Amino acid sequence: MVRKDNIKHINGRLIPGIRYSVGLNDGKEFRRACYIGTKLLNGKPMMCFRTVEDVDLTVNPSYMSFIVEDVVEIIDVTMEENNLIK
């Protein structure tokens, strides 16, 4: 069961529905992975993503090297917001 995080990008939290590039400490990188939320596995919170190829990705935060927001996604959202305001 994945818990949807209702808190926006506060204190370094990820925003559900936004795409990120996710890098692991073994050198593997997953690009354009949409953050879904967190779930517990053996009592430890795991970060859940879904890739563009529709593959579910569950990551232990201690194995995470980096997370970068997908700039294209941010630009698209900003442009949509601008069109709604006008």
PDB file of N, CA and C in Angstrom:
ATOM      1  N   MET A   1       0.856  -1.184   0.000  1.00  0.00           N
ATOM      2  CA  MET A   1       0.000   0.000   0.000  1.00  0.00           C
ATOM      3  C   MET A   1       0.892   1.233   0.000  1.00  0.00           C
ATOM      4  N   VAL A   2       0.735   2.061  -0.984  1.00  0.00           N
ATOM      5  CA  VAL A   2       1.528   3.283  -1.098  1.00  0.00           C
ATOM      6  C   VAL A   2       0.768   4.424  -0.447  1.00  0.00           C
ATOM      7  N   ARG A   3       1.462   5.159   0.433  1.00  0.00           N
ATOM      8  CA  ARG A   3       0.857   6.304   1.094  1.00  0.00           C
ATOM      9  C   ARG A   3       1.102   7.534   0.242  1.00  0.00           C
ATOM     10  N   LYS A   4       0.054   8.238  -0.104  1.00  0.00           N
ATOM     11  CA  LYS A   4       0.192   9.481  -0.862  1.00  0.00           C
ATOM     12  C   LYS A   4       0.582  10.586   0.102  1.00  0.00           C
ATOM     13  N   ASP A   5       1.687  11.271  -0.190  1.00  0.00           N
ATOM     14  CA  ASP A   5       2.122  12.389   0.635  1.00  0.00           C
ATOM     15  C   ASP A   5       1.336  13.629   0.242  1.00  0.00           C
ATOM     16  N   ASN A   6       0.666  14.236   1.219  1.00  0.00           N
ATOM     17  CA  ASN A   6      -0.117  15.433   0.946  1.00  0.00           C
ATOM     18  C   ASN A   6       0.697  16.703   1.127  1.00  0.00           C
ATOM     19  N   ILE A   7       1.870  16.605   1.737  1.00  0.00           N
ATOM     20  CA  ILE A   7       2.693  17.776   1.990  1.00  0.00           C
ATOM     21  C   ILE A   7       3.485  18.102   0.737  1.00  0.00           C
ATOM     22  N   LYS A   8       3.476  19.351   0.345  1.00  0.00           N
ATOM     23  CA  LYS A   8       4.228  19.785  -0.831  1.00  0.00           C
ATOM     24  C   LYS A   8       5.715  19.816  -0.510  1.00  0.00           C
ATOM     25  N   HIS A   9       6.516  20.323  -1.407  1.00  0.00           N
ATOM     26  CA  HIS A   9       7.977  20.291  -1.322  1.00  0.00           C
ATOM     27  C   HIS A   9       8.468  21.125  -0.135  1.00  0.00           C
ATOM     28  N   ILE A  10       8.336  20.565   1.077  1.00  0.00           N
ATOM     29  CA  ILE A  10       8.750  21.243   2.303  1.00  0.00           C
ATOM     30  C   ILE A  10       9.817  20.381   2.975  1.00  0.00           C
ATOM     31  N   ASN A  11      10.882  20.997   3.441  1.00  0.00           N
ATOM     32  CA  ASN A  11      11.962  20.291   4.137  1.00  0.00           C
ATOM     33  C   ASN A  11      12.539  19.162   3.287  1.00  0.00           C
ATOM     34  N   GLY A  12      12.682  19.388   1.991  1.00  0.00           N
ATOM     35  CA  GLY A  12      13.328  18.404   1.140  1.00  0.00           C
ATOM     36  C   GLY A  12      12.451  17.251   0.701  1.00  0.00           C
ATOM     37  N   ARG A  13      11.172  17.295   0.967  1.00  0.00           N
ATOM     38  CA  ARG A  13      10.290  16.211   0.548  1.00  0.00           C
ATOM     39  C   ARG A  13       9.998  16.313  -0.940  1.00  0.00           C
ATOM     40  N   LEU A  14       9.730  15.176  -1.535  1.00  0.00           N
ATOM     41  CA  LEU A  14       9.395  15.145  -2.955  1.00  0.00           C
ATOM     42  C   LEU A  14       7.903  15.368  -3.147  1.00  0.00           C
ATOM     43  N   ILE A  15       7.549  15.916  -4.290  1.00  0.00           N
ATOM     44  CA  ILE A  15       6.151  16.197  -4.602  1.00  0.00           C
ATOM     45  C   ILE A  15       5.599  15.047  -5.427  1.00  0.00           C
ATOM     46  N   PRO A  16       4.560  14.369  -4.941  1.00  0.00           N
ATOM     47  CA  PRO A  16       3.955  13.295  -5.738  1.00  0.00           C
ATOM     48  C   PRO A  16       3.439  13.834  -7.069  1.00  0.00           C
ATOM     49  N   GLY A  17       3.702  13.061  -8.135  1.00  0.00           N
ATOM     50  CA  GLY A  17       3.252  13.452  -9.458  1.00  0.00           C
ATOM     51  C   GLY A  17       4.302  14.181 -10.278  1.00  0.00           C
ATOM     52  N   ILE A  18       5.374  14.658  -9.642  1.00  0.00           N
ATOM     53  CA  ILE A  18       6.449  15.342 -10.360  1.00  0.00           C
ATOM     54  C   ILE A  18       7.492  14.313 -10.777  1.00  0.00           C
ATOM     55  N   ARG A  19       8.085  14.517 -11.949  1.00  0.00           N
ATOM     56  CA  ARG A  19       9.106  13.592 -12.444  1.00  0.00           C
ATOM     57  C   ARG A  19      10.494  14.008 -11.975  1.00  0.00           C
ATOM     58  N   TYR A  20      11.303  12.987 -11.665  1.00  0.00           N
ATOM     59  CA  TYR A  20      12.657  13.184 -11.168  1.00  0.00           C
ATOM     60  C   TYR A  20      13.611  12.234 -11.887  1.00  0.00           C
ATOM     61  N   SER A  21      14.895  12.586 -11.913  1.00  0.00           N
ATOM     62  CA  SER A  21      15.943  11.648 -12.265  1.00  0.00           C
ATOM     63  C   SER A  21      16.492  11.133 -10.945  1.00  0.00           C
ATOM     64  N   VAL A  22      16.557   9.803 -10.807  1.00  0.00           N
ATOM     65  CA  VAL A  22      16.949   9.172  -9.559  1.00  0.00           C
ATOM     66  C   VAL A  22      18.254   8.407  -9.785  1.00  0.00           C
ATOM     67  N   GLY A  23      19.260   8.697  -8.977  1.00  0.00           N
ATOM     68  CA  GLY A  23      20.541   7.997  -9.073  1.00  0.00           C
ATOM     69  C   GLY A  23      20.804   7.177  -7.823  1.00  0.00           C
ATOM     70  N   LEU A  24      21.249   5.953  -8.018  1.00  0.00           N
ATOM     71  CA  LEU A  24      21.561   5.060  -6.901  1.00  0.00           C
ATOM     72  C   LEU A  24      23.062   4.971  -6.707  1.00  0.00           C
ATOM     73  N   ASN A  25      23.490   4.508  -5.535  1.00  0.00           N
ATOM     74  CA  ASN A  25      24.915   4.497  -5.230  1.00  0.00           C
ATOM     75  C   ASN A  25      25.694   3.427  -5.999  1.00  0.00           C
ATOM     76  N   ASP A  26      25.022   2.553  -6.764  1.00  0.00           N
ATOM     77  CA  ASP A  26      25.734   1.578  -7.589  1.00  0.00           C
ATOM     78  C   ASP A  26      25.954   2.090  -9.016  1.00  0.00           C
ATOM     79  N   GLY A  27      25.580   3.358  -9.263  1.00  0.00           N
ATOM     80  CA  GLY A  27      25.787   3.969 -10.571  1.00  0.00           C
ATOM     81  C   GLY A  27      24.587   3.916 -11.489  1.00  0.00           C
ATOM     82  N   LYS A  28      23.527   3.237 -11.111  1.00  0.00           N
ATOM     83  CA  LYS A  28      22.321   3.131 -11.943  1.00  0.00           C
ATOM     84  C   LYS A  28      21.524   4.428 -11.854  1.00  0.00           C
ATOM     85  N   GLU A  29      21.010   4.882 -12.991  1.00  0.00           N
ATOM     86  CA  GLU A  29      20.204   6.105 -13.030  1.00  0.00           C
ATOM     87  C   GLU A  29      18.880   5.810 -13.712  1.00  0.00           C
ATOM     88  N   PHE A  30      17.803   6.299 -13.113  1.00  0.00           N
ATOM     89  CA  PHE A  30      16.459   6.177 -13.679  1.00  0.00           C
ATOM     90  C   PHE A  30      15.986   7.586 -13.999  1.00  0.00           C
ATOM     91  N   ARG A  31      15.782   7.852 -15.279  1.00  0.00           N
ATOM     92  CA  ARG A  31      15.346   9.186 -15.697  1.00  0.00           C
ATOM     93  C   ARG A  31      13.842   9.227 -15.868  1.00  0.00           C
ATOM     94  N   ARG A  32      13.305  10.403 -15.641  1.00  0.00           N
ATOM     95  CA  ARG A  32      11.868  10.654 -15.797  1.00  0.00           C
ATOM     96  C   ARG A  32      11.024   9.657 -15.012  1.00  0.00           C
ATOM     97  N   ALA A  33      11.369   9.505 -13.728  1.00  0.00           N
ATOM     98  CA  ALA A  33      10.612   8.643 -12.824  1.00  0.00           C
ATOM     99  C   ALA A  33       9.660   9.517 -12.010  1.00  0.00           C
ATOM    100  N   CYS A  34       8.392   9.204 -12.069  1.00  0.00           N
ATOM    101  CA  CYS A  34       7.361   9.971 -11.368  1.00  0.00           C
ATOM    102  C   CYS A  34       7.269   9.488  -9.922  1.00  0.00           C
ATOM    103  N   TYR A  35       7.396  10.409  -8.975  1.00  0.00           N
ATOM    104  CA  TYR A  35       7.308  10.054  -7.555  1.00  0.00           C
ATOM    105  C   TYR A  35       5.855   9.780  -7.203  1.00  0.00           C
ATOM    106  N   ILE A  36       5.615   8.625  -6.564  1.00  0.00           N
ATOM    107  CA  ILE A  36       4.258   8.231  -6.184  1.00  0.00           C
ATOM    108  C   ILE A  36       4.007   8.476  -4.702  1.00  0.00           C
ATOM    109  N   GLY A  37       4.960   8.100  -3.861  1.00  0.00           N
ATOM    110  CA  GLY A  37       4.800   8.242  -2.419  1.00  0.00           C
ATOM    111  C   GLY A  37       5.759   7.305  -1.711  1.00  0.00           C
ATOM    112  N   THR A  38       5.423   6.951  -0.471  1.00  0.00           N
ATOM    113  CA  THR A  38       6.263   6.034   0.294  1.00  0.00           C
ATOM    114  C   THR A  38       5.443   4.838   0.746  1.00  0.00           C
ATOM    115  N   LYS A  39       6.132   3.737   1.020  1.00  0.00           N
ATOM    116  CA  LYS A  39       5.493   2.577   1.627  1.00  0.00           C
ATOM    117  C   LYS A  39       6.479   1.960   2.599  1.00  0.00           C
ATOM    118  N   LEU A  40       5.965   1.210   3.559  1.00  0.00           N
ATOM    119  CA  LEU A  40       6.822   0.571   4.549  1.00  0.00           C
ATOM    120  C   LEU A  40       7.193  -0.833   4.101  1.00  0.00           C
ATOM    121  N   LEU A  41       8.469  -1.169   4.242  1.00  0.00           N
ATOM    122  CA  LEU A  41       8.960  -2.509   3.981  1.00  0.00           C
ATOM    123  C   LEU A  41       9.808  -2.905   5.180  1.00  0.00           C
ATOM    124  N   ASN A  42       9.322  -3.894   5.941  1.00  0.00           N
ATOM    125  CA  ASN A  42       9.983  -4.312   7.184  1.00  0.00           C
ATOM    126  C   ASN A  42      10.177  -3.142   8.135  1.00  0.00           C
ATOM    127  N   GLY A  43       9.204  -2.255   8.184  1.00  0.00           N
ATOM    128  CA  GLY A  43       9.234  -1.124   9.108  1.00  0.00           C
ATOM    129  C   GLY A  43      10.050   0.068   8.646  1.00  0.00           C
ATOM    130  N   LYS A  44      10.657  -0.012   7.468  1.00  0.00           N
ATOM    131  CA  LYS A  44      11.472   1.097   6.959  1.00  0.00           C
ATOM    132  C   LYS A  44      10.761   1.739   5.776  1.00  0.00           C
ATOM    133  N   PRO A  45      10.672   3.077   5.746  1.00  0.00           N
ATOM    134  CA  PRO A  45       9.998   3.734   4.611  1.00  0.00           C
ATOM    135  C   PRO A  45      10.815   3.622   3.325  1.00  0.00           C
ATOM    136  N   MET A  46      10.150   3.241   2.245  1.00  0.00           N
ATOM    137  CA  MET A  46      10.761   3.139   0.923  1.00  0.00           C
ATOM    138  C   MET A  46      10.108   4.162   0.003  1.00  0.00           C
ATOM    139  N   MET A  47      10.897   4.730  -0.903  1.00  0.00           N
ATOM    140  CA  MET A  47      10.388   5.720  -1.847  1.00  0.00           C
ATOM    141  C   MET A  47       9.909   4.989  -3.107  1.00  0.00           C
ATOM    142  N   CYS A  48       8.713   5.307  -3.573  1.00  0.00           N
ATOM    143  CA  CYS A  48       8.121   4.625  -4.717  1.00  0.00           C
ATOM    144  C   CYS A  48       8.026   5.568  -5.914  1.00  0.00           C
ATOM    145  N   PHE A  49       8.473   5.079  -7.056  1.00  0.00           N
ATOM    146  CA  PHE A  49       8.444   5.820  -8.310  1.00  0.00           C
ATOM    147  C   PHE A  49       7.834   4.936  -9.393  1.00  0.00           C
ATOM    148  N   ARG A  50       7.391   5.554 -10.486  1.00  0.00           N
ATOM    149  CA  ARG A  50       6.977   4.831 -11.690  1.00  0.00           C
ATOM    150  C   ARG A  50       7.672   5.510 -12.860  1.00  0.00           C
ATOM    151  N   THR A  51       8.377   4.709 -13.660  1.00  0.00           N
ATOM    152  CA  THR A  51       9.129   5.263 -14.781  1.00  0.00           C
ATOM    153  C   THR A  51       8.212   5.513 -15.974  1.00  0.00           C
ATOM    154  N   VAL A  52       8.737   6.215 -16.980  1.00  0.00           N
ATOM    155  CA  VAL A  52       7.987   6.500 -18.204  1.00  0.00           C
ATOM    156  C   VAL A  52       7.604   5.195 -18.909  1.00  0.00           C
ATOM    157  N   GLU A  53       8.468   4.161 -18.761  1.00  0.00           N
ATOM    158  CA  GLU A  53       8.205   2.854 -19.364  1.00  0.00           C
ATOM    159  C   GLU A  53       7.192   2.055 -18.552  1.00  0.00           C
ATOM    160  N   ASP A  54       6.560   2.668 -17.550  1.00  0.00           N
ATOM    161  CA  ASP A  54       5.547   2.058 -16.690  1.00  0.00           C
ATOM    162  C   ASP A  54       6.118   0.927 -15.830  1.00  0.00           C
ATOM    163  N   VAL A  55       7.344   1.102 -15.356  1.00  0.00           N
ATOM    164  CA  VAL A  55       7.997   0.150 -14.455  1.00  0.00           C
ATOM    165  C   VAL A  55       7.954   0.736 -13.047  1.00  0.00           C
ATOM    166  N   ASP A  56       7.495  -0.062 -12.079  1.00  0.00           N
ATOM    167  CA  ASP A  56       7.487   0.379 -10.687  1.00  0.00           C
ATOM    168  C   ASP A  56       8.889   0.278 -10.109  1.00  0.00           C
ATOM    169  N   LEU A  57       9.300   1.321  -9.386  1.00  0.00           N
ATOM    170  CA  LEU A  57      10.630   1.398  -8.800  1.00  0.00           C
ATOM    171  C   LEU A  57      10.473   1.733  -7.322  1.00  0.00           C
ATOM    172  N   THR A  58      10.978   0.859  -6.451  1.00  0.00           N
ATOM    173  CA  THR A  58      10.950   1.087  -5.013  1.00  0.00           C
ATOM    174  C   THR A  58      12.393   1.196  -4.538  1.00  0.00           C
ATOM    175  N   VAL A  59      12.722   2.310  -3.884  1.00  0.00           N
ATOM    176  CA  VAL A  59      14.110   2.605  -3.533  1.00  0.00           C
ATOM    177  C   VAL A  59      14.243   2.822  -2.033  1.00  0.00           C
ATOM    178  N   ASN A  60      15.249   2.169  -1.449  1.00  0.00           N
ATOM    179  CA  ASN A  60      15.625   2.413  -0.071  1.00  0.00           C
ATOM    180  C   ASN A  60      16.378   3.748  -0.047  1.00  0.00           C
ATOM    181  N   PRO A  61      15.926   4.733   0.728  1.00  0.00           N
ATOM    182  CA  PRO A  61      16.581   6.044   0.723  1.00  0.00           C
ATOM    183  C   PRO A  61      18.076   6.001   1.060  1.00  0.00           C
ATOM    184  N   SER A  62      18.531   4.993   1.781  1.00  0.00           N
ATOM    185  CA  SER A  62      19.952   4.926   2.127  1.00  0.00           C
ATOM    186  C   SER A  62      20.812   4.547   0.920  1.00  0.00           C
ATOM    187  N   TYR A  63      20.206   4.033  -0.155  1.00  0.00           N
ATOM    188  CA  TYR A  63      20.945   3.709  -1.382  1.00  0.00           C
ATOM    189  C   TYR A  63      20.868   4.816  -2.429  1.00  0.00           C
ATOM    190  N   MET A  64      20.222   5.916  -2.091  1.00  0.00           N
ATOM    191  CA  MET A  64      20.016   7.020  -3.021  1.00  0.00           C
ATOM    192  C   MET A  64      21.273   7.887  -3.087  1.00  0.00           C
ATOM    193  N   SER A  65      21.740   8.172  -4.301  1.00  0.00           N
ATOM    194  CA  SER A  65      22.870   9.094  -4.478  1.00  0.00           C
ATOM    195  C   SER A  65      22.382  10.502  -4.754  1.00  0.00           C
ATOM    196  N   PHE A  66      21.393  10.617  -5.653  1.00  0.00           N
ATOM    197  CA  PHE A  66      20.857  11.939  -5.971  1.00  0.00           C
ATOM    198  C   PHE A  66      19.444  11.827  -6.506  1.00  0.00           C
ATOM    199  N   ILE A  67      18.728  12.936  -6.385  1.00  0.00           N
ATOM    200  CA  ILE A  67      17.408  13.091  -6.998  1.00  0.00           C
ATOM    201  C   ILE A  67      17.373  14.491  -7.576  1.00  0.00           C
ATOM    202  N   VAL A  68      17.076  14.588  -8.880  1.00  0.00           N
ATOM    203  CA  VAL A  68      17.020  15.875  -9.563  1.00  0.00           C
ATOM    204  C   VAL A  68      15.661  16.003 -10.223  1.00  0.00           C
ATOM    205  N   GLU A  69      14.989  17.136 -10.001  1.00  0.00           N
ATOM    206  CA  GLU A  69      13.700  17.364 -10.648  1.00  0.00           C
ATOM    207  C   GLU A  69      13.882  17.466 -12.142  1.00  0.00           C
ATOM    208  N   ASP A  70      12.920  16.923 -12.883  1.00  0.00           N
ATOM    209  CA  ASP A  70      12.947  16.972 -14.338  1.00  0.00           C
ATOM    210  C   ASP A  70      12.559  18.381 -14.772  1.00  0.00           C
ATOM    211  N   VAL A  71      13.489  19.108 -15.363  1.00  0.00           N
ATOM    212  CA  VAL A  71      13.292  20.513 -15.727  1.00  0.00           C
ATOM    213  C   VAL A  71      12.153  20.665 -16.734  1.00  0.00           C
ATOM    214  N   VAL A  72      12.040  19.754 -17.675  1.00  0.00           N
ATOM    215  CA  VAL A  72      10.973  19.827 -18.683  1.00  0.00           C
ATOM    216  C   VAL A  72       9.616  19.798 -18.008  1.00  0.00           C
ATOM    217  N   GLU A  73       9.471  18.920 -17.018  1.00  0.00           N
ATOM    218  CA  GLU A  73       8.201  18.810 -16.298  1.00  0.00           C
ATOM    219  C   GLU A  73       7.888  20.118 -15.576  1.00  0.00           C
ATOM    220  N   ILE A  74       8.876  20.736 -14.950  1.00  0.00           N
ATOM    221  CA  ILE A  74       8.658  21.981 -14.223  1.00  0.00           C
ATOM    222  C   ILE A  74       8.241  23.084 -15.198  1.00  0.00           C
ATOM    223  N   ILE A  75       8.896  23.164 -16.340  1.00  0.00           N
ATOM    224  CA  ILE A  75       8.564  24.177 -17.336  1.00  0.00           C
ATOM    225  C   ILE A  75       7.143  23.976 -17.844  1.00  0.00           C
ATOM    226  N   ASP A  76       6.756  22.727 -18.123  1.00  0.00           N
ATOM    227  CA  ASP A  76       5.404  22.444 -18.595  1.00  0.00           C
ATOM    228  C   ASP A  76       4.354  22.873 -17.582  1.00  0.00           C
ATOM    229  N   VAL A  77       4.590  22.571 -16.305  1.00  0.00           N
ATOM    230  CA  VAL A  77       3.641  22.941 -15.262  1.00  0.00           C
ATOM    231  C   VAL A  77       3.550  24.453 -15.152  1.00  0.00           C
ATOM    232  N   THR A  78       4.678  25.148 -15.199  1.00  0.00           N
ATOM    233  CA  THR A  78       4.685  26.604 -15.105  1.00  0.00           C
ATOM    234  C   THR A  78       3.927  27.216 -16.269  1.00  0.00           C
ATOM    235  N   MET A  79       4.124  26.695 -17.473  1.00  0.00           N
ATOM    236  CA  MET A  79       3.418  27.225 -18.638  1.00  0.00           C
ATOM    237  C   MET A  79       1.920  26.984 -18.512  1.00  0.00           C
ATOM    238  N   GLU A  80       1.515  25.822 -17.993  1.00  0.00           N
ATOM    239  CA  GLU A  80       0.096  25.548 -17.801  1.00  0.00           C
ATOM    240  C   GLU A  80      -0.495  26.520 -16.792  1.00  0.00           C
ATOM    241  N   GLU A  81       0.226  26.767 -15.691  1.00  0.00           N
ATOM    242  CA  GLU A  81      -0.261  27.694 -14.678  1.00  0.00           C
ATOM    243  C   GLU A  81      -0.401  29.102 -15.266  1.00  0.00           C
ATOM    244  N   ASN A  82       0.554  29.525 -16.094  1.00  0.00           N
ATOM    245  CA  ASN A  82       0.483  30.846 -16.728  1.00  0.00           C
ATOM    246  C   ASN A  82      -0.738  30.943 -17.636  1.00  0.00           C
ATOM    247  N   ASN A  83      -1.044  29.886 -18.383  1.00  0.00           N
ATOM    248  CA  ASN A  83      -2.210  29.894 -19.262  1.00  0.00           C
ATOM    249  C   ASN A  83      -3.511  29.933 -18.467  1.00  0.00           C
ATOM    250  N   LEU A  84      -3.525  29.308 -17.305  1.00  0.00           N
ATOM    251  CA  LEU A  84      -4.734  29.330 -16.485  1.00  0.00           C
ATOM    252  C   LEU A  84      -4.964  30.697 -15.861  1.00  0.00           C
ATOM    253  N   ILE A  85      -3.861  31.403 -15.551  1.00  0.00           N
ATOM    254  CA  ILE A  85      -3.988  32.721 -14.903  1.00  0.00           C
ATOM    255  C   ILE A  85      -4.475  33.763 -15.906  1.00  0.00           C
ATOM    256  N   LYS A  86      -4.055  33.673 -17.170  1.00  0.00           N
ATOM    257  CA  LYS A  86      -4.408  34.690 -18.165  1.00  0.00           C
ATOM    258  C   LYS A  86      -5.852  34.669 -18.552  1.00  0.00           C
TER     259      LYS A  86
END
